[in-house]
C-alpha cells in the first residue's frame, strides 16, 4: 500500500499536465497510459492473483506438495490504487514545483 505503479503514472500525468497543459496530445496519451496501468493493477493482476491463490489451495487440499515454493502476487485493491493516485499527485506536483525554479 499504496500502488507504486499508480503513483508513478499519476506523477507523470500531473507533470505533463502542468507543463504541456491538459489539452495537449501528450497529456491524452499519458492519461490513457495511466488508465491502462491502474485498470491492470486492480482488475487483471488482482484476478490472476486470486486464481493463483485458489490453485495453491487446491494443491494443498489434494495433499500434493510442490517441489518449488509457490508465490502468488495478488495485485492491488482499489484502495491501494487510490492511495497510489494520491501519492503520485503529490509527488508530481512537488517535482514540478522543484524543477521550475
N, C-alpha and C. Protein backbone atom coordinates (compact mmCIF):
# COMPACT_ATOMS: atom_id res chain seq x y z
N UNK A 1 0.86 -1.19 0.00
CA UNK A 1 0.00 0.00 0.00
C UNK A 1 0.88 1.22 0.00
N UNK A 2 0.75 2.14 -0.79
CA UNK A 2 -0.10 2.25 -1.97
C UNK A 2 0.56 1.64 -3.21
N UNK A 3 -0.15 1.64 -4.29
CA UNK A 3 0.35 1.09 -5.55
C UNK A 3 1.44 2.00 -6.13
N UNK A 4 2.64 1.47 -6.23
CA UNK A 4 3.75 2.25 -6.80
C UNK A 4 3.54 2.49 -8.29
N UNK A 5 2.93 1.54 -8.99
CA UNK A 5 2.66 1.73 -10.41
C UNK A 5 1.69 2.90 -10.61
N UNK A 6 0.64 2.92 -9.82
CA UNK A 6 -0.34 4.02 -9.93
C UNK A 6 0.30 5.35 -9.57
N UNK A 7 1.10 5.37 -8.53
CA UNK A 7 1.78 6.61 -8.13
C UNK A 7 2.69 7.11 -9.25
N UNK A 8 3.41 6.23 -9.89
CA UNK A 8 4.34 6.63 -10.95
C UNK A 8 3.62 7.23 -12.15
N UNK A 9 2.57 6.55 -12.61
CA UNK A 9 1.88 7.06 -13.80
C UNK A 9 1.10 8.34 -13.50
N UNK A 10 0.59 8.48 -12.30
CA UNK A 10 -0.12 9.71 -11.95
C UNK A 10 0.86 10.87 -11.79
N UNK A 11 2.02 10.61 -11.21
CA UNK A 11 3.04 11.66 -11.12
C UNK A 11 3.43 12.13 -12.52
N UNK A 12 3.62 11.21 -13.42
CA UNK A 12 3.93 11.54 -14.82
C UNK A 12 2.80 12.36 -15.43
N UNK A 13 1.57 11.95 -15.19
CA UNK A 13 0.40 12.64 -15.73
C UNK A 13 0.31 14.07 -15.20
N UNK A 14 0.55 14.25 -13.91
CA UNK A 14 0.48 15.58 -13.30
C UNK A 14 1.55 16.50 -13.88
N UNK A 15 2.77 16.01 -13.99
CA UNK A 15 3.86 16.84 -14.52
C UNK A 15 3.57 17.22 -15.98
N UNK A 16 3.12 16.28 -16.78
CA UNK A 16 2.80 16.59 -18.18
C UNK A 16 1.65 17.59 -18.24
N UNK A 17 0.65 17.40 -17.40
CA UNK A 17 -0.48 18.32 -17.39
C UNK A 17 -0.07 19.73 -17.01
N UNK A 18 0.84 19.85 -16.07
CA UNK A 18 1.28 21.17 -15.63
C UNK A 18 2.22 21.84 -16.64
N UNK A 19 3.03 21.05 -17.33
CA UNK A 19 3.98 21.62 -18.29
C UNK A 19 3.33 21.86 -19.66
N UNK A 20 2.67 20.85 -20.20
CA UNK A 20 2.12 20.94 -21.56
C UNK A 20 0.64 21.32 -21.59
N UNK A 21 -0.03 21.23 -20.46
CA UNK A 21 -1.46 21.52 -20.41
C UNK A 21 -2.30 20.27 -20.60
N UNK A 22 -3.49 20.32 -20.06
CA UNK A 22 -4.36 19.14 -20.13
C UNK A 22 -5.00 18.96 -21.50
N UNK A 23 -4.85 19.95 -22.36
CA UNK A 23 -5.39 19.83 -23.71
C UNK A 23 -4.40 19.28 -24.72
N UNK A 24 -3.18 18.98 -24.27
CA UNK A 24 -2.15 18.50 -25.20
C UNK A 24 -2.33 17.03 -25.52
N UNK A 25 -1.79 16.65 -26.67
CA UNK A 25 -1.85 15.25 -27.09
C UNK A 25 -1.03 14.37 -26.15
N UNK A 26 0.09 14.88 -25.67
CA UNK A 26 0.93 14.10 -24.77
C UNK A 26 0.19 13.81 -23.46
N UNK A 27 -0.57 14.80 -22.98
CA UNK A 27 -1.37 14.57 -21.77
C UNK A 27 -2.42 13.50 -22.03
N UNK A 28 -3.04 13.52 -23.18
CA UNK A 28 -4.02 12.49 -23.52
C UNK A 28 -3.41 11.10 -23.54
N UNK A 29 -2.22 10.99 -24.11
CA UNK A 29 -1.52 9.70 -24.12
C UNK A 29 -1.15 9.26 -22.70
N UNK A 30 -0.68 10.21 -21.90
CA UNK A 30 -0.32 9.89 -20.51
C UNK A 30 -1.55 9.47 -19.71
N UNK A 31 -2.69 10.11 -19.96
CA UNK A 31 -3.93 9.74 -19.26
C UNK A 31 -4.37 8.34 -19.65
N UNK A 32 -4.27 8.02 -20.94
CA UNK A 32 -4.62 6.66 -21.39
C UNK A 32 -3.67 5.63 -20.78
N UNK A 33 -2.38 5.94 -20.78
CA UNK A 33 -1.38 5.05 -20.18
C UNK A 33 -1.67 4.82 -18.70
N UNK A 34 -1.98 5.90 -17.98
CA UNK A 34 -2.29 5.79 -16.55
C UNK A 34 -3.53 4.94 -16.33
N UNK A 35 -4.56 5.14 -17.16
CA UNK A 35 -5.79 4.37 -17.01
C UNK A 35 -5.54 2.87 -17.24
N UNK A 36 -4.74 2.54 -18.24
CA UNK A 36 -4.44 1.13 -18.53
C UNK A 36 -3.66 0.50 -17.38
N UNK A 37 -2.67 1.22 -16.86
CA UNK A 37 -1.85 0.70 -15.76
C UNK A 37 -2.71 0.46 -14.52
N UNK A 38 -3.57 1.42 -14.18
CA UNK A 38 -4.40 1.27 -12.98
C UNK A 38 -5.47 0.20 -13.16
N UNK A 39 -6.04 0.10 -14.36
CA UNK A 39 -7.00 -0.97 -14.63
C UNK A 39 -6.33 -2.33 -14.48
N UNK A 40 -5.13 -2.45 -15.03
CA UNK A 40 -4.38 -3.70 -14.93
C UNK A 40 -4.11 -4.05 -13.47
N UNK A 41 -3.73 -3.06 -12.67
CA UNK A 41 -3.39 -3.31 -11.26
C UNK A 41 -4.58 -3.84 -10.49
N UNK A 42 -5.76 -3.28 -10.75
CA UNK A 42 -6.95 -3.66 -9.98
C UNK A 42 -7.65 -4.88 -10.56
N UNK A 43 -7.84 -4.90 -11.85
CA UNK A 43 -8.67 -5.94 -12.45
C UNK A 43 -7.88 -7.18 -12.89
N UNK A 44 -6.93 -6.99 -13.76
CA UNK A 44 -6.25 -8.12 -14.38
C UNK A 44 -5.32 -8.82 -13.39
N UNK A 45 -4.40 -8.06 -12.79
CA UNK A 45 -3.43 -8.67 -11.88
C UNK A 45 -4.10 -9.21 -10.63
N UNK A 46 -5.10 -8.50 -10.12
CA UNK A 46 -5.80 -8.97 -8.92
C UNK A 46 -6.55 -10.27 -9.22
N UNK A 47 -7.21 -10.31 -10.36
CA UNK A 47 -7.96 -11.51 -10.74
C UNK A 47 -7.04 -12.71 -10.91
N UNK A 48 -5.92 -12.52 -11.60
CA UNK A 48 -5.00 -13.64 -11.80
C UNK A 48 -4.37 -14.06 -10.47
N UNK A 49 -4.15 -13.10 -9.57
CA UNK A 49 -3.63 -13.44 -8.24
C UNK A 49 -4.61 -14.27 -7.44
N UNK A 50 -5.90 -13.93 -7.52
CA UNK A 50 -6.92 -14.71 -6.82
C UNK A 50 -7.02 -16.12 -7.40
N UNK A 51 -6.90 -16.23 -8.71
CA UNK A 51 -6.91 -17.56 -9.34
C UNK A 51 -5.70 -18.37 -8.90
N UNK A 52 -4.54 -17.71 -8.80
CA UNK A 52 -3.34 -18.40 -8.34
C UNK A 52 -3.50 -18.90 -6.91
N UNK A 53 -4.09 -18.07 -6.05
CA UNK A 53 -4.32 -18.48 -4.66
C UNK A 53 -5.28 -19.67 -4.60
N UNK A 54 -6.28 -19.68 -5.46
CA UNK A 54 -7.22 -20.80 -5.50
C UNK A 54 -6.51 -22.07 -5.94
N UNK A 55 -5.60 -21.96 -6.89
CA UNK A 55 -4.85 -23.14 -7.34
C UNK A 55 -3.93 -23.67 -6.24
N UNK A 56 -3.29 -22.77 -5.51
CA UNK A 56 -2.43 -23.19 -4.41
C UNK A 56 -3.27 -23.93 -3.36
N UNK A 57 -4.44 -23.41 -3.05
CA UNK A 57 -5.33 -24.07 -2.08
C UNK A 57 -5.76 -25.43 -2.57
N UNK A 58 -6.06 -25.55 -3.86
CA UNK A 58 -6.45 -26.83 -4.44
C UNK A 58 -5.30 -27.83 -4.34
N UNK A 59 -4.09 -27.39 -4.61
CA UNK A 59 -2.93 -28.28 -4.50
C UNK A 59 -2.77 -28.76 -3.05
N UNK A 60 -2.97 -27.86 -2.10
CA UNK A 60 -2.87 -28.25 -0.68
C UNK A 60 -3.96 -29.24 -0.30
N UNK A 61 -5.17 -29.03 -0.80
CA UNK A 61 -6.27 -29.95 -0.50
C UNK A 61 -6.02 -31.34 -1.07
N UNK A 62 -5.35 -31.39 -2.22
CA UNK A 62 -5.03 -32.67 -2.83
C UNK A 62 -3.81 -33.32 -2.16
N UNK A 63 -3.22 -32.59 -1.22
CA UNK A 63 -2.05 -33.07 -0.47
C UNK A 63 -0.89 -33.45 -1.39
N UNK A 64 -0.68 -32.63 -2.38
CA UNK A 64 0.44 -32.83 -3.30
C UNK A 64 1.40 -31.66 -3.12
N UNK A 65 2.41 -31.85 -2.33
CA UNK A 65 3.34 -30.75 -2.08
C UNK A 65 4.08 -30.36 -3.36
N UNK A 66 4.29 -29.09 -3.49
CA UNK A 66 5.03 -28.58 -4.64
C UNK A 66 6.51 -28.72 -4.37
N UNK A 67 7.28 -29.04 -5.39
CA UNK A 67 8.73 -29.16 -5.24
C UNK A 67 9.39 -27.79 -5.18
N UNK A 68 8.72 -26.79 -5.68
CA UNK A 68 9.25 -25.43 -5.64
C UNK A 68 8.28 -24.55 -4.85
N UNK A 69 8.80 -23.56 -4.15
CA UNK A 69 7.90 -22.67 -3.42
C UNK A 69 7.01 -21.89 -4.39
N UNK A 70 5.77 -21.73 -4.03
CA UNK A 70 4.82 -21.03 -4.89
C UNK A 70 4.54 -19.66 -4.30
N UNK A 71 4.76 -18.64 -5.09
CA UNK A 71 4.45 -17.27 -4.68
C UNK A 71 3.33 -16.75 -5.56
N UNK A 72 2.30 -16.22 -4.94
CA UNK A 72 1.17 -15.69 -5.68
C UNK A 72 1.11 -14.18 -5.47
N UNK A 73 1.24 -13.44 -6.56
CA UNK A 73 1.11 -11.98 -6.50
C UNK A 73 -0.37 -11.64 -6.59
N UNK A 74 -0.87 -10.89 -5.63
CA UNK A 74 -2.31 -10.63 -5.54
C UNK A 74 -2.79 -9.45 -6.36
N UNK A 75 -1.92 -8.58 -6.84
CA UNK A 75 -2.40 -7.36 -7.47
C UNK A 75 -2.79 -6.35 -6.40
N UNK A 76 -3.50 -5.31 -6.80
CA UNK A 76 -3.85 -4.25 -5.86
C UNK A 76 -5.35 -4.14 -5.66
N UNK A 77 -5.73 -3.71 -4.47
CA UNK A 77 -7.12 -3.39 -4.19
C UNK A 77 -7.40 -1.99 -4.72
N UNK A 78 -8.67 -1.65 -4.93
CA UNK A 78 -8.98 -0.28 -5.35
C UNK A 78 -8.46 0.77 -4.36
N UNK A 79 -8.47 0.47 -3.07
CA UNK A 79 -7.97 1.42 -2.08
C UNK A 79 -6.47 1.66 -2.24
N UNK A 80 -5.72 0.61 -2.55
CA UNK A 80 -4.28 0.76 -2.77
C UNK A 80 -4.00 1.61 -4.01
N UNK A 81 -4.82 1.44 -5.05
CA UNK A 81 -4.66 2.26 -6.26
C UNK A 81 -5.01 3.71 -5.95
N UNK A 82 -6.07 3.94 -5.18
CA UNK A 82 -6.41 5.31 -4.79
C UNK A 82 -5.30 5.95 -3.97
N UNK A 83 -4.67 5.17 -3.09
CA UNK A 83 -3.52 5.67 -2.34
C UNK A 83 -2.38 6.04 -3.27
N UNK A 84 -2.15 5.21 -4.29
CA UNK A 84 -1.11 5.50 -5.28
C UNK A 84 -1.42 6.76 -6.06
N UNK A 85 -2.69 6.97 -6.37
CA UNK A 85 -3.10 8.18 -7.09
C UNK A 85 -2.78 9.42 -6.23
N UNK A 86 -3.10 9.36 -4.95
CA UNK A 86 -2.85 10.49 -4.05
C UNK A 86 -1.35 10.77 -3.93
N UNK A 87 -0.57 9.72 -3.72
CA UNK A 87 0.88 9.88 -3.60
C UNK A 87 1.46 10.42 -4.90
N UNK A 88 1.01 9.88 -6.02
CA UNK A 88 1.51 10.32 -7.32
C UNK A 88 1.19 11.78 -7.61
N UNK A 89 -0.01 12.21 -7.23
CA UNK A 89 -0.39 13.60 -7.45
C UNK A 89 0.50 14.53 -6.62
N UNK A 90 0.77 14.15 -5.39
CA UNK A 90 1.63 14.97 -4.52
C UNK A 90 3.06 15.00 -5.04
N UNK A 91 3.59 13.84 -5.41
CA UNK A 91 4.96 13.77 -5.90
C UNK A 91 5.09 14.51 -7.23
N UNK A 92 4.12 14.34 -8.12
CA UNK A 92 4.17 15.04 -9.40
C UNK A 92 4.17 16.55 -9.22
N UNK A 93 3.31 17.05 -8.32
CA UNK A 93 3.27 18.48 -8.04
C UNK A 93 4.58 18.95 -7.43
N UNK A 94 5.12 18.17 -6.50
CA UNK A 94 6.39 18.54 -5.86
C UNK A 94 7.52 18.58 -6.88
N UNK A 95 7.60 17.60 -7.76
CA UNK A 95 8.65 17.57 -8.79
C UNK A 95 8.50 18.79 -9.70
N UNK A 96 7.29 19.10 -10.08
CA UNK A 96 7.06 20.27 -10.94
C UNK A 96 7.51 21.56 -10.25
N UNK A 97 7.13 21.73 -8.99
CA UNK A 97 7.49 22.94 -8.27
C UNK A 97 8.99 23.07 -8.03
N UNK A 98 9.66 21.94 -7.77
CA UNK A 98 11.09 21.96 -7.50
C UNK A 98 11.89 22.22 -8.78
N UNK A 99 11.44 21.70 -9.90
CA UNK A 99 12.21 21.83 -11.14
C UNK A 99 11.92 23.12 -11.90
N UNK A 100 10.88 23.84 -11.53
CA UNK A 100 10.58 25.11 -12.22
C UNK A 100 11.58 26.18 -11.82
N UNK A 101 11.89 26.28 -10.56
CA UNK A 101 12.73 27.39 -10.08
C UNK A 101 14.11 27.00 -10.01
